[in-house]
Amino acid sequence: MDCIFCAIKNGEIPSKKVYEDESVYAFRDINPQAPTHILVIPKEHIPSADAVTEKNADAVAKIFCAIPKIAAAEGLKNGYRLISNVGKDGCQSVPHLHFHILGGIQLPEKMS
């Protein structure tokens, strides 16, 4: 498998890690779209939200338990945006399920 996020979580490609536990890895985006822009991935390779099944749903649940901890550690007291892109039309650039935590400023309502 040739997955950049798997290589990052395995330490083969450097990243600015902000959180790690047995199931979740989170790191700073190299092209931030907000003052705080963190990518949160499952350590298990899941290609996208479309590939979530009953067998791997626990990995996704653990991500959602980690996200508030990460946001609190980053000082995102007034809120944040959570995004997961799926497929080409959704602009998913890496085929490994990931969630973007964006915050640190008042984000615009519209995405364009």
PDB file of N, CA and C in Angstrom:
ATOM      1  N   MET A   1       0.851  -1.177   0.000  1.00  0.00           N
ATOM      2  CA  MET A   1       0.000   0.000   0.000  1.00  0.00           C
ATOM      3  C   MET A   1       0.896   1.239   0.000  1.00  0.00           C
ATOM      4  N   ASP A   2       0.537   2.205  -0.804  1.00  0.00           N
ATOM      5  CA  ASP A   2       1.314   3.430  -0.918  1.00  0.00           C
ATOM      6  C   ASP A   2       0.460   4.598  -0.427  1.00  0.00           C
ATOM      7  N   CYS A   3       0.394   4.772   0.894  1.00  0.00           N
ATOM      8  CA  CYS A   3      -0.456   5.800   1.502  1.00  0.00           C
ATOM      9  C   CYS A   3       0.419   6.756   2.311  1.00  0.00           C
ATOM     10  N   ILE A   4       0.371   8.027   1.951  1.00  0.00           N
ATOM     11  CA  ILE A   4       1.199   9.022   2.641  1.00  0.00           C
ATOM     12  C   ILE A   4       0.830   9.140   4.122  1.00  0.00           C
ATOM     13  N   PHE A   5      -0.465   9.030   4.449  1.00  0.00           N
ATOM     14  CA  PHE A   5      -0.854   9.145   5.857  1.00  0.00           C
ATOM     15  C   PHE A   5      -0.407   7.922   6.663  1.00  0.00           C
ATOM     16  N   CYS A   6      -0.400   6.745   6.045  1.00  0.00           N
ATOM     17  CA  CYS A   6       0.142   5.565   6.736  1.00  0.00           C
ATOM     18  C   CYS A   6       1.632   5.756   6.990  1.00  0.00           C
ATOM     19  N   ALA A   7       2.344   6.320   6.003  1.00  0.00           N
ATOM     20  CA  ALA A   7       3.776   6.587   6.170  1.00  0.00           C
ATOM     21  C   ALA A   7       4.010   7.624   7.269  1.00  0.00           C
ATOM     22  N   ILE A   8       3.152   8.626   7.357  1.00  0.00           N
ATOM     23  CA  ILE A   8       3.280   9.645   8.409  1.00  0.00           C
ATOM     24  C   ILE A   8       3.061   9.019   9.781  1.00  0.00           C
ATOM     25  N   LYS A   9       1.985   8.272   9.953  1.00  0.00           N
ATOM     26  CA  LYS A   9       1.712   7.688  11.279  1.00  0.00           C
ATOM     27  C   LYS A   9       2.734   6.640  11.672  1.00  0.00           C
ATOM     28  N   ASN A  10       3.399   6.041  10.683  1.00  0.00           N
ATOM     29  CA  ASN A  10       4.460   5.069  10.969  1.00  0.00           C
ATOM     30  C   ASN A  10       5.818   5.726  11.205  1.00  0.00           C
ATOM     31  N   GLY A  11       5.891   7.055  11.073  1.00  0.00           N
ATOM     32  CA  GLY A  11       7.137   7.775  11.297  1.00  0.00           C
ATOM     33  C   GLY A  11       8.079   7.757  10.116  1.00  0.00           C
ATOM     34  N   GLU A  12       7.630   7.263   8.968  1.00  0.00           N
ATOM     35  CA  GLU A  12       8.471   7.209   7.772  1.00  0.00           C
ATOM     36  C   GLU A  12       8.584   8.575   7.095  1.00  0.00           C
ATOM     37  N   ILE A  13       7.590   9.421   7.306  1.00  0.00           N
ATOM     38  CA  ILE A  13       7.585  10.800   6.814  1.00  0.00           C
ATOM     39  C   ILE A  13       7.382  11.681   8.041  1.00  0.00           C
ATOM     40  N   PRO A  14       8.207  12.716   8.219  1.00  0.00           N
ATOM     41  CA  PRO A  14       8.063  13.559   9.409  1.00  0.00           C
ATOM     42  C   PRO A  14       6.747  14.336   9.407  1.00  0.00           C
ATOM     43  N   SER A  15       6.253  14.587  10.605  1.00  0.00           N
ATOM     44  CA  SER A  15       5.051  15.405  10.785  1.00  0.00           C
ATOM     45  C   SER A  15       5.167  16.126  12.118  1.00  0.00           C
ATOM     46  N   LYS A  16       4.319  17.112  12.283  1.00  0.00           N
ATOM     47  CA  LYS A  16       4.249  17.831  13.558  1.00  0.00           C
ATOM     48  C   LYS A  16       3.079  17.247  14.338  1.00  0.00           C
ATOM     49  N   LYS A  17       3.379  16.164  15.051  1.00  0.00           N
ATOM     50  CA  LYS A  17       2.360  15.447  15.810  1.00  0.00           C
ATOM     51  C   LYS A  17       1.809  16.316  16.931  1.00  0.00           C
ATOM     52  N   VAL A  18       0.474  16.278  17.086  1.00  0.00           N
ATOM     53  CA  VAL A  18      -0.157  16.972  18.202  1.00  0.00           C
ATOM     54  C   VAL A  18      -0.878  16.007  19.146  1.00  0.00           C
ATOM     55  N   TYR A  19      -1.131  14.775  18.663  1.00  0.00           N
ATOM     56  CA  TYR A  19      -1.843  13.808  19.493  1.00  0.00           C
ATOM     57  C   TYR A  19      -1.594  12.412  18.939  1.00  0.00           C
ATOM     58  N   GLU A  20      -1.485  11.448  19.856  1.00  0.00           N
ATOM     59  CA  GLU A  20      -1.398  10.052  19.435  1.00  0.00           C
ATOM     60  C   GLU A  20      -1.859   9.170  20.573  1.00  0.00           C
ATOM     61  N   ASP A  21      -2.642   8.159  20.228  1.00  0.00           N
ATOM     62  CA  ASP A  21      -2.965   7.094  21.161  1.00  0.00           C
ATOM     63  C   ASP A  21      -2.912   5.783  20.380  1.00  0.00           C
ATOM     64  N   GLU A  22      -3.436   4.713  20.923  1.00  0.00           N
ATOM     65  CA  GLU A  22      -3.320   3.413  20.261  1.00  0.00           C
ATOM     66  C   GLU A  22      -4.085   3.319  18.943  1.00  0.00           C
ATOM     67  N   SER A  23      -5.066   4.206  18.722  1.00  0.00           N
ATOM     68  CA  SER A  23      -5.916   4.114  17.531  1.00  0.00           C
ATOM     69  C   SER A  23      -5.905   5.346  16.636  1.00  0.00           C
ATOM     70  N   VAL A  24      -5.430   6.467  17.160  1.00  0.00           N
ATOM     71  CA  VAL A  24      -5.577   7.764  16.485  1.00  0.00           C
ATOM     72  C   VAL A  24      -4.234   8.471  16.406  1.00  0.00           C
ATOM     73  N   TYR A  25      -4.017   9.165  15.297  1.00  0.00           N
ATOM     74  CA  TYR A  25      -2.821   9.995  15.125  1.00  0.00           C
ATOM     75  C   TYR A  25      -3.287  11.345  14.584  1.00  0.00           C
ATOM     76  N   ALA A  26      -2.793  12.430  15.138  1.00  0.00           N
ATOM     77  CA  ALA A  26      -3.171  13.773  14.682  1.00  0.00           C
ATOM     78  C   ALA A  26      -1.911  14.614  14.502  1.00  0.00           C
ATOM     79  N   PHE A  27      -1.922  15.405  13.424  1.00  0.00           N
ATOM     80  CA  PHE A  27      -0.754  16.212  13.088  1.00  0.00           C
ATOM     81  C   PHE A  27      -1.178  17.487  12.368  1.00  0.00           C
ATOM     82  N   ARG A  28      -0.291  18.469  12.365  1.00  0.00           N
ATOM     83  CA  ARG A  28      -0.581  19.752  11.723  1.00  0.00           C
ATOM     84  C   ARG A  28      -0.535  19.621  10.210  1.00  0.00           C
ATOM     85  N   ASP A  29      -1.497  20.266   9.558  1.00  0.00           N
ATOM     86  CA  ASP A  29      -1.546  20.284   8.099  1.00  0.00           C
ATOM     87  C   ASP A  29      -0.384  21.119   7.575  1.00  0.00           C
ATOM     88  N   ILE A  30       0.263  20.662   6.512  1.00  0.00           N
ATOM     89  CA  ILE A  30       1.407  21.402   5.953  1.00  0.00           C
ATOM     90  C   ILE A  30       0.965  22.609   5.128  1.00  0.00           C
ATOM     91  N   ASN A  31      -0.327  22.699   4.813  1.00  0.00           N
ATOM     92  CA  ASN A  31      -0.871  23.835   4.067  1.00  0.00           C
ATOM     93  C   ASN A  31      -2.101  24.343   4.818  1.00  0.00           C
ATOM     94  N   PRO A  32      -1.896  24.963   5.991  1.00  0.00           N
ATOM     95  CA  PRO A  32      -3.029  25.314   6.848  1.00  0.00           C
ATOM     96  C   PRO A  32      -3.987  26.325   6.216  1.00  0.00           C
ATOM     97  N   GLN A  33      -5.270  26.065   6.427  1.00  0.00           N
ATOM     98  CA  GLN A  33      -6.331  26.936   5.933  1.00  0.00           C
ATOM     99  C   GLN A  33      -6.901  27.820   7.050  1.00  0.00           C
ATOM    100  N   ALA A  34      -6.375  27.688   8.246  1.00  0.00           N
ATOM    101  CA  ALA A  34      -6.780  28.477   9.407  1.00  0.00           C
ATOM    102  C   ALA A  34      -5.594  28.470  10.375  1.00  0.00           C
ATOM    103  N   PRO A  35      -5.596  29.360  11.379  1.00  0.00           N
ATOM    104  CA  PRO A  35      -4.483  29.361  12.335  1.00  0.00           C
ATOM    105  C   PRO A  35      -4.244  27.988  12.981  1.00  0.00           C
ATOM    106  N   THR A  36      -5.316  27.281  13.270  1.00  0.00           N
ATOM    107  CA  THR A  36      -5.206  25.900  13.725  1.00  0.00           C
ATOM    108  C   THR A  36      -5.790  25.017  12.633  1.00  0.00           C
ATOM    109  N   HIS A  37      -4.976  24.128  12.096  1.00  0.00           N
ATOM    110  CA  HIS A  37      -5.436  23.182  11.063  1.00  0.00           C
ATOM    111  C   HIS A  37      -4.725  21.865  11.326  1.00  0.00           C
ATOM    112  N   ILE A  38      -5.496  20.941  11.875  1.00  0.00           N
ATOM    113  CA  ILE A  38      -4.956  19.650  12.288  1.00  0.00           C
ATOM    114  C   ILE A  38      -5.687  18.546  11.540  1.00  0.00           C
ATOM    115  N   LEU A  39      -4.929  17.545  11.110  1.00  0.00           N
ATOM    116  CA  LEU A  39      -5.512  16.365  10.476  1.00  0.00           C
ATOM    117  C   LEU A  39      -5.540  15.243  11.501  1.00  0.00           C
ATOM    118  N   VAL A  40      -6.679  14.577  11.611  1.00  0.00           N
ATOM    119  CA  VAL A  40      -6.852  13.478  12.558  1.00  0.00           C
ATOM    120  C   VAL A  40      -7.187  12.229  11.748  1.00  0.00           C
ATOM    121  N   ILE A  41      -6.364  11.180  11.931  1.00  0.00           N
ATOM    122  CA  ILE A  41      -6.546   9.958  11.151  1.00  0.00           C
ATOM    123  C   ILE A  41      -6.649   8.742  12.065  1.00  0.00           C
ATOM    124  N   PRO A  42      -7.344   7.703  11.581  1.00  0.00           N
ATOM    125  CA  PRO A  42      -7.263   6.438  12.300  1.00  0.00           C
ATOM    126  C   PRO A  42      -5.947   5.766  11.939  1.00  0.00           C
ATOM    127  N   LYS A  43      -5.353   5.069  12.869  1.00  0.00           N
ATOM    128  CA  LYS A  43      -4.127   4.335  12.549  1.00  0.00           C
ATOM    129  C   LYS A  43      -4.428   3.177  11.595  1.00  0.00           C
ATOM    130  N   GLU A  44      -5.628   2.651  11.677  1.00  0.00           N
ATOM    131  CA  GLU A  44      -6.068   1.632  10.733  1.00  0.00           C
ATOM    132  C   GLU A  44      -6.337   2.314   9.396  1.00  0.00           C
ATOM    133  N   HIS A  45      -5.873   1.728   8.312  1.00  0.00           N
ATOM    134  CA  HIS A  45      -6.115   2.332   7.003  1.00  0.00           C
ATOM    135  C   HIS A  45      -7.571   2.102   6.592  1.00  0.00           C
ATOM    136  N   ILE A  46      -8.310   3.194   6.507  1.00  0.00           N
ATOM    137  CA  ILE A  46      -9.685   3.205   6.007  1.00  0.00           C
ATOM    138  C   ILE A  46      -9.679   4.243   4.894  1.00  0.00           C
ATOM    139  N   PRO A  47     -10.026   3.880   3.661  1.00  0.00           N
ATOM    140  CA  PRO A  47      -9.868   4.801   2.538  1.00  0.00           C
ATOM    141  C   PRO A  47     -10.664   6.114   2.630  1.00  0.00           C
ATOM    142  N   SER A  48     -11.882   6.076   3.154  1.00  0.00           N
ATOM    143  CA  SER A  48     -12.698   7.296   3.264  1.00  0.00           C
ATOM    144  C   SER A  48     -13.913   6.985   4.126  1.00  0.00           C
ATOM    145  N   ALA A  49     -14.755   7.989   4.345  1.00  0.00           N
ATOM    146  CA  ALA A  49     -15.984   7.772   5.102  1.00  0.00           C
ATOM    147  C   ALA A  49     -16.881   6.750   4.417  1.00  0.00           C
ATOM    148  N   ASP A  50     -16.784   6.650   3.100  1.00  0.00           N
ATOM    149  CA  ASP A  50     -17.561   5.648   2.367  1.00  0.00           C
ATOM    150  C   ASP A  50     -17.145   4.219   2.707  1.00  0.00           C
ATOM    151  N   ALA A  51     -15.973   4.042   3.260  1.00  0.00           N
ATOM    152  CA  ALA A  51     -15.465   2.708   3.577  1.00  0.00           C
ATOM    153  C   ALA A  51     -15.665   2.333   5.044  1.00  0.00           C
ATOM    154  N   VAL A  52     -16.375   3.163   5.803  1.00  0.00           N
ATOM    155  CA  VAL A  52     -16.648   2.835   7.200  1.00  0.00           C
ATOM    156  C   VAL A  52     -17.705   1.729   7.237  1.00  0.00           C
ATOM    157  N   THR A  53     -17.410   0.688   8.011  1.00  0.00           N
ATOM    158  CA  THR A  53     -18.308  -0.453   8.142  1.00  0.00           C
ATOM    159  C   THR A  53     -18.504  -0.765   9.621  1.00  0.00           C
ATOM    160  N   GLU A  54     -19.354  -1.724   9.901  1.00  0.00           N
ATOM    161  CA  GLU A  54     -19.527  -2.158  11.287  1.00  0.00           C
ATOM    162  C   GLU A  54     -18.224  -2.725  11.843  1.00  0.00           C
ATOM    163  N   LYS A  55     -17.390  -3.291  10.989  1.00  0.00           N
ATOM    164  CA  LYS A  55     -16.127  -3.887  11.445  1.00  0.00           C
ATOM    165  C   LYS A  55     -15.084  -2.845  11.841  1.00  0.00           C
ATOM    166  N   ASN A  56     -15.094  -1.653  11.205  1.00  0.00           N
ATOM    167  CA  ASN A  56     -14.078  -0.640  11.525  1.00  0.00           C
ATOM    168  C   ASN A  56     -14.658   0.608  12.180  1.00  0.00           C
ATOM    169  N   ALA A  57     -15.942   0.597  12.485  1.00  0.00           N
ATOM    170  CA  ALA A  57     -16.591   1.778  13.067  1.00  0.00           C
ATOM    171  C   ALA A  57     -15.991   2.172  14.414  1.00  0.00           C
ATOM    172  N   ASP A  58     -15.445   1.210  15.152  1.00  0.00           N
ATOM    173  CA  ASP A  58     -14.837   1.526  16.441  1.00  0.00           C
ATOM    174  C   ASP A  58     -13.644   2.472  16.272  1.00  0.00           C
ATOM    175  N   ALA A  59     -12.895   2.300  15.192  1.00  0.00           N
ATOM    176  CA  ALA A  59     -11.756   3.193  14.922  1.00  0.00           C
ATOM    177  C   ALA A  59     -12.241   4.623  14.721  1.00  0.00           C
ATOM    178  N   VAL A  60     -13.375   4.766  14.059  1.00  0.00           N
ATOM    179  CA  VAL A  60     -13.941   6.097  13.817  1.00  0.00           C
ATOM    180  C   VAL A  60     -14.482   6.688  15.123  1.00  0.00           C
ATOM    181  N   ALA A  61     -15.113   5.863  15.926  1.00  0.00           N
ATOM    182  CA  ALA A  61     -15.608   6.335  17.221  1.00  0.00           C
ATOM    183  C   ALA A  61     -14.464   6.861  18.082  1.00  0.00           C
ATOM    184  N   LYS A  62     -13.323   6.192  18.027  1.00  0.00           N
ATOM    185  CA  LYS A  62     -12.169   6.641  18.814  1.00  0.00           C
ATOM    186  C   LYS A  62     -11.651   7.992  18.324  1.00  0.00           C
ATOM    187  N   ILE A  63     -11.759   8.236  17.027  1.00  0.00           N
ATOM    188  CA  ILE A  63     -11.389   9.558  16.495  1.00  0.00           C
ATOM    189  C   ILE A  63     -12.285  10.625  17.109  1.00  0.00           C
ATOM    190  N   PHE A  64     -13.586  10.335  17.155  1.00  0.00           N
ATOM    191  CA  PHE A  64     -14.515  11.324  17.689  1.00  0.00           C
ATOM    192  C   PHE A  64     -14.372  11.516  19.192  1.00  0.00           C
ATOM    193  N   CYS A  65     -13.788  10.571  19.878  1.00  0.00           N
ATOM    194  CA  CYS A  65     -13.451  10.762  21.300  1.00  0.00           C
ATOM    195  C   CYS A  65     -12.189  11.603  21.439  1.00  0.00           C
ATOM    196  N   ALA A  66     -11.270  11.489  20.480  1.00  0.00           N
ATOM    197  CA  ALA A  66     -10.009  12.235  20.534  1.00  0.00           C
ATOM    198  C   ALA A  66     -10.170  13.689  20.104  1.00  0.00           C
ATOM    199  N   ILE A  67     -11.059  13.965  19.181  1.00  0.00           N
ATOM    200  CA  ILE A  67     -11.177  15.324  18.623  1.00  0.00           C
ATOM    201  C   ILE A  67     -11.418  16.379  19.693  1.00  0.00           C
ATOM    202  N   PRO A  68     -12.359  16.210  20.628  1.00  0.00           N
ATOM    203  CA  PRO A  68     -12.524  17.250  21.654  1.00  0.00           C
ATOM    204  C   PRO A  68     -11.281  17.451  22.524  1.00  0.00           C
ATOM    205  N   LYS A  69     -10.538  16.384  22.779  1.00  0.00           N
ATOM    206  CA  LYS A  69      -9.292  16.511  23.555  1.00  0.00           C
ATOM    207  C   LYS A  69      -8.274  17.348  22.787  1.00  0.00           C
ATOM    208  N   ILE A  70      -8.169  17.089  21.483  1.00  0.00           N
ATOM    209  CA  ILE A  70      -7.232  17.834  20.646  1.00  0.00           C
ATOM    210  C   ILE A  70      -7.643  19.301  20.589  1.00  0.00           C
ATOM    211  N   ALA A  71      -8.926  19.553  20.361  1.00  0.00           N
ATOM    212  CA  ALA A  71      -9.419  20.931  20.279  1.00  0.00           C
ATOM    213  C   ALA A  71      -9.165  21.679  21.590  1.00  0.00           C
ATOM    214  N   ALA A  72      -9.409  21.025  22.711  1.00  0.00           N
ATOM    215  CA  ALA A  72      -9.173  21.673  24.005  1.00  0.00           C
ATOM    216  C   ALA A  72      -7.691  21.966  24.207  1.00  0.00           C
ATOM    217  N   ALA A  73      -6.839  21.024  23.848  1.00  0.00           N
ATOM    218  CA  ALA A  73      -5.394  21.225  23.990  1.00  0.00           C
ATOM    219  C   ALA A  73      -4.899  22.366  23.106  1.00  0.00           C
ATOM    220  N   GLU A  74      -5.577  22.608  21.991  1.00  0.00           N
ATOM    221  CA  GLU A  74      -5.218  23.696  21.072  1.00  0.00           C
ATOM    222  C   GLU A  74      -5.857  25.029  21.469  1.00  0.00           C
ATOM    223  N   GLY A  75      -6.664  25.020  22.524  1.00  0.00           N
ATOM    224  CA  GLY A  75      -7.298  26.252  22.996  1.00  0.00           C
ATOM    225  C   GLY A  75      -8.473  26.718  22.149  1.00  0.00           C
ATOM    226  N   LEU A  76      -9.123  25.813  21.463  1.00  0.00           N
ATOM    227  CA  LEU A  76     -10.254  26.184  20.599  1.00  0.00           C
ATOM    228  C   LEU A  76     -11.538  26.263  21.427  1.00  0.00           C
ATOM    229  N   LYS A  77     -11.594  27.251  22.304  1.00  0.00           N
ATOM    230  CA  LYS A  77     -12.699  27.396  23.256  1.00  0.00           C
ATOM    231  C   LYS A  77     -13.979  27.911  22.625  1.00  0.00           C
ATOM    232  N   ASN A  78     -13.866  28.649  21.533  1.00  0.00           N
ATOM    233  CA  ASN A  78     -15.058  29.229  20.900  1.00  0.00           C
ATOM    234  C   ASN A  78     -15.586  28.384  19.751  1.00  0.00           C
ATOM    235  N   GLY A  79     -15.031  27.206  19.558  1.00  0.00           N
ATOM    236  CA  GLY A  79     -15.507  26.312  18.517  1.00  0.00           C
ATOM    237  C   GLY A  79     -14.481  26.076  17.424  1.00  0.00           C
ATOM    238  N   TYR A  80     -14.849  25.214  16.515  1.00  0.00           N
ATOM    239  CA  TYR A  80     -13.979  24.836  15.408  1.00  0.00           C
ATOM    240  C   TYR A  80     -14.836  24.173  14.337  1.00  0.00           C
ATOM    241  N   ARG A  81     -14.264  24.007  13.175  1.00  0.00           N
ATOM    242  CA  ARG A  81     -14.936  23.315  12.075  1.00  0.00           C
ATOM    243  C   ARG A  81     -14.269  21.957  11.907  1.00  0.00           C
ATOM    244  N   LEU A  82     -15.103  20.956  11.662  1.00  0.00           N
ATOM    245  CA  LEU A  82     -14.632  19.599  11.444  1.00  0.00           C
ATOM    246  C   LEU A  82     -15.088  19.172  10.052  1.00  0.00           C
ATOM    247  N   ILE A  83     -14.127  18.759   9.218  1.00  0.00           N
ATOM    248  CA  ILE A  83     -14.422  18.420   7.824  1.00  0.00           C
ATOM    249  C   ILE A  83     -13.786  17.087   7.471  1.00  0.00           C
ATOM    250  N   SER A  84     -14.528  16.279   6.706  1.00  0.00           N
ATOM    251  CA  SER A  84     -13.965  15.074   6.089  1.00  0.00           C
ATOM    252  C   SER A  84     -14.419  15.060   4.634  1.00  0.00           C
ATOM    253  N   ASN A  85     -13.461  15.132   3.736  1.00  0.00           N
ATOM    254  CA  ASN A  85     -13.748  15.104   2.307  1.00  0.00           C
ATOM    255  C   ASN A  85     -13.810  13.654   1.837  1.00  0.00           C
ATOM    256  N   VAL A  86     -14.705  13.393   0.875  1.00  0.00           N
ATOM    257  CA  VAL A  86     -14.870  12.036   0.354  1.00  0.00           C
ATOM    258  C   VAL A  86     -14.860  12.070  -1.169  1.00  0.00           C
ATOM    259  N   GLY A  87     -13.921  11.351  -1.751  1.00  0.00           N
ATOM    260  CA  GLY A  87     -13.880  11.193  -3.196  1.00  0.00           C
ATOM    261  C   GLY A  87     -13.418  12.414  -3.954  1.00  0.00           C
ATOM    262  N   LYS A  88     -13.320  12.246  -5.259  1.00  0.00           N
ATOM    263  CA  LYS A  88     -12.819  13.298  -6.148  1.00  0.00           C
ATOM    264  C   LYS A  88     -13.659  14.571  -6.071  1.00  0.00           C
ATOM    265  N   ASP A  89     -14.966  14.436  -6.182  1.00  0.00           N
ATOM    266  CA  ASP A  89     -15.825  15.620  -6.155  1.00  0.00           C
ATOM    267  C   ASP A  89     -15.837  16.293  -4.782  1.00  0.00           C
ATOM    268  N   GLY A  90     -15.518  15.544  -3.740  1.00  0.00           N
ATOM    269  CA  GLY A  90     -15.420  16.112  -2.401  1.00  0.00           C
ATOM    270  C   GLY A  90     -14.039  16.651  -2.089  1.00  0.00           C
ATOM    271  N   CYS A  91     -13.134  16.590  -3.080  1.00  0.00           N
ATOM    272  CA  CYS A  91     -11.751  17.078  -2.950  1.00  0.00           C
ATOM    273  C   CYS A  91     -10.932  16.302  -1.931  1.00  0.00           C
ATOM    274  N   GLN A  92     -11.165  14.998  -1.831  1.00  0.00           N
ATOM    275  CA  GLN A  92     -10.327  14.174  -0.964  1.00  0.00           C
ATOM    276  C   GLN A  92      -8.999  13.964  -1.667  1.00  0.00           C
ATOM    277  N   SER A  93      -7.942  14.510  -1.094  1.00  0.00           N
ATOM    278  CA  SER A  93      -6.631  14.447  -1.748  1.00  0.00           C
ATOM    279  C   SER A  93      -5.796  13.236  -1.326  1.00  0.00           C
ATOM    280  N   VAL A  94      -6.093  12.652  -0.173  1.00  0.00           N
ATOM    281  CA  VAL A  94      -5.378  11.468   0.297  1.00  0.00           C
ATOM    282  C   VAL A  94      -6.413  10.394   0.614  1.00  0.00           C
ATOM    283  N   PRO A  95      -6.302   9.217  -0.013  1.00  0.00           N
ATOM    284  CA  PRO A  95      -7.290   8.166   0.214  1.00  0.00           C
ATOM    285  C   PRO A  95      -7.075   7.401   1.529  1.00  0.00           C
ATOM    286  N   HIS A  96      -7.125   8.146   2.607  1.00  0.00           N
ATOM    287  CA  HIS A  96      -7.075   7.604   3.978  1.00  0.00           C
ATOM    288  C   HIS A  96      -8.027   8.487   4.762  1.00  0.00           C
ATOM    289  N   LEU A  97      -9.018   7.888   5.402  1.00  0.00           N
ATOM    290  CA  LEU A  97      -9.996   8.662   6.163  1.00  0.00           C
ATOM    291  C   LEU A  97      -9.282   9.667   7.056  1.00  0.00           C
ATOM    292  N   HIS A  98      -9.695  10.909   6.987  1.00  0.00           N
ATOM    293  CA  HIS A  98      -9.112  11.923   7.852  1.00  0.00           C
ATOM    294  C   HIS A  98     -10.116  13.036   8.078  1.00  0.00           C
ATOM    295  N   PHE A  99      -9.954  13.685   9.210  1.00  0.00           N
ATOM    296  CA  PHE A  99     -10.795  14.805   9.594  1.00  0.00           C
ATOM    297  C   PHE A  99      -9.912  16.019   9.795  1.00  0.00           C
ATOM    298  N   HIS A 100     -10.352  17.146   9.249  1.00  0.00           N
ATOM    299  CA  HIS A 100      -9.662  18.416   9.417  1.00  0.00           C
ATOM    300  C   HIS A 100     -10.307  19.135  10.598  1.00  0.00           C
ATOM    301  N   ILE A 101      -9.497  19.544  11.553  1.00  0.00           N
ATOM    302  CA  ILE A 101      -9.951  20.448  12.611  1.00  0.00           C
ATOM    303  C   ILE A 101      -9.430  21.826  12.228  1.00  0.00           C
ATOM    304  N   LEU A 102     -10.347  22.749  11.991  1.00  0.00           N
ATOM    305  CA  LEU A 102      -9.991  24.120  11.610  1.00  0.00           C
ATOM    306  C   LEU A 102     -10.507  25.078  12.670  1.00  0.00           C
ATOM    307  N   GLY A 103      -9.669  25.975  13.128  1.00  0.00           N
ATOM    308  CA  GLY A 103     -10.114  26.932  14.137  1.00  0.00           C
ATOM    309  C   GLY A 103      -9.064  27.975  14.408  1.00  0.00           C
ATOM    310  N   GLY A 104      -9.291  28.682  15.508  1.00  0.00           N
ATOM    311  CA  GLY A 104      -8.368  29.734  15.900  1.00  0.00           C
ATOM    312  C   GLY A 104      -8.808  31.113  15.446  1.00  0.00           C
ATOM    313  N   ILE A 105      -9.829  31.171  14.606  1.00  0.00           N
ATOM    314  CA  ILE A 105     -10.440  32.427  14.146  1.00  0.00           C
ATOM    315  C   ILE A 105     -11.917  32.153  13.908  1.00  0.00           C
ATOM    316  N   GLN A 106     -12.677  33.237  13.735  1.00  0.00           N
ATOM    317  CA  GLN A 106     -14.066  33.098  13.307  1.00  0.00           C
ATOM    318  C   GLN A 106     -14.036  32.680  11.839  1.00  0.00           C
ATOM    319  N   LEU A 107     -14.467  31.477  11.546  1.00  0.00           N
ATOM    320  CA  LEU A 107     -14.442  30.965  10.180  1.00  0.00           C
ATOM    321  C   LEU A 107     -15.654  31.502   9.398  1.00  0.00           C
ATOM    322  N   PRO A 108     -15.491  31.675   8.088  1.00  0.00           N
ATOM    323  CA  PRO A 108     -16.627  32.145   7.292  1.00  0.00           C
ATOM    324  C   PRO A 108     -17.715  31.080   7.208  1.00  0.00           C
ATOM    325  N   GLU A 109     -18.958  31.525   7.086  1.00  0.00           N
ATOM    326  CA  GLU A 109     -20.063  30.579   6.960  1.00  0.00           C
ATOM    327  C   GLU A 109     -19.956  29.760   5.695  1.00  0.00           C
ATOM    328  N   LYS A 110     -19.634  30.432   4.591  1.00  0.00           N
ATOM    329  CA  LYS A 110     -19.539  29.745   3.292  1.00  0.00           C
ATOM    330  C   LYS A 110     -18.132  29.223   3.100  1.00  0.00           C
ATOM    331  N   MET A 111     -18.033  28.111   2.400  1.00  0.00           N
ATOM    332  CA  MET A 111     -16.752  27.462   2.171  1.00  0.00           C
ATOM    333  C   MET A 111     -16.001  28.016   0.972  1.00  0.00           C
ATOM    334  N   SER A 112     -16.633  28.807   0.137  1.00  0.00           N
ATOM    335  CA  SER A 112     -15.969  29.273  -1.089  1.00  0.00           C
ATOM    336  C   SER A 112     -15.152  30.504  -0.886  1.00  0.00           C
TER     337      SER A 112
END
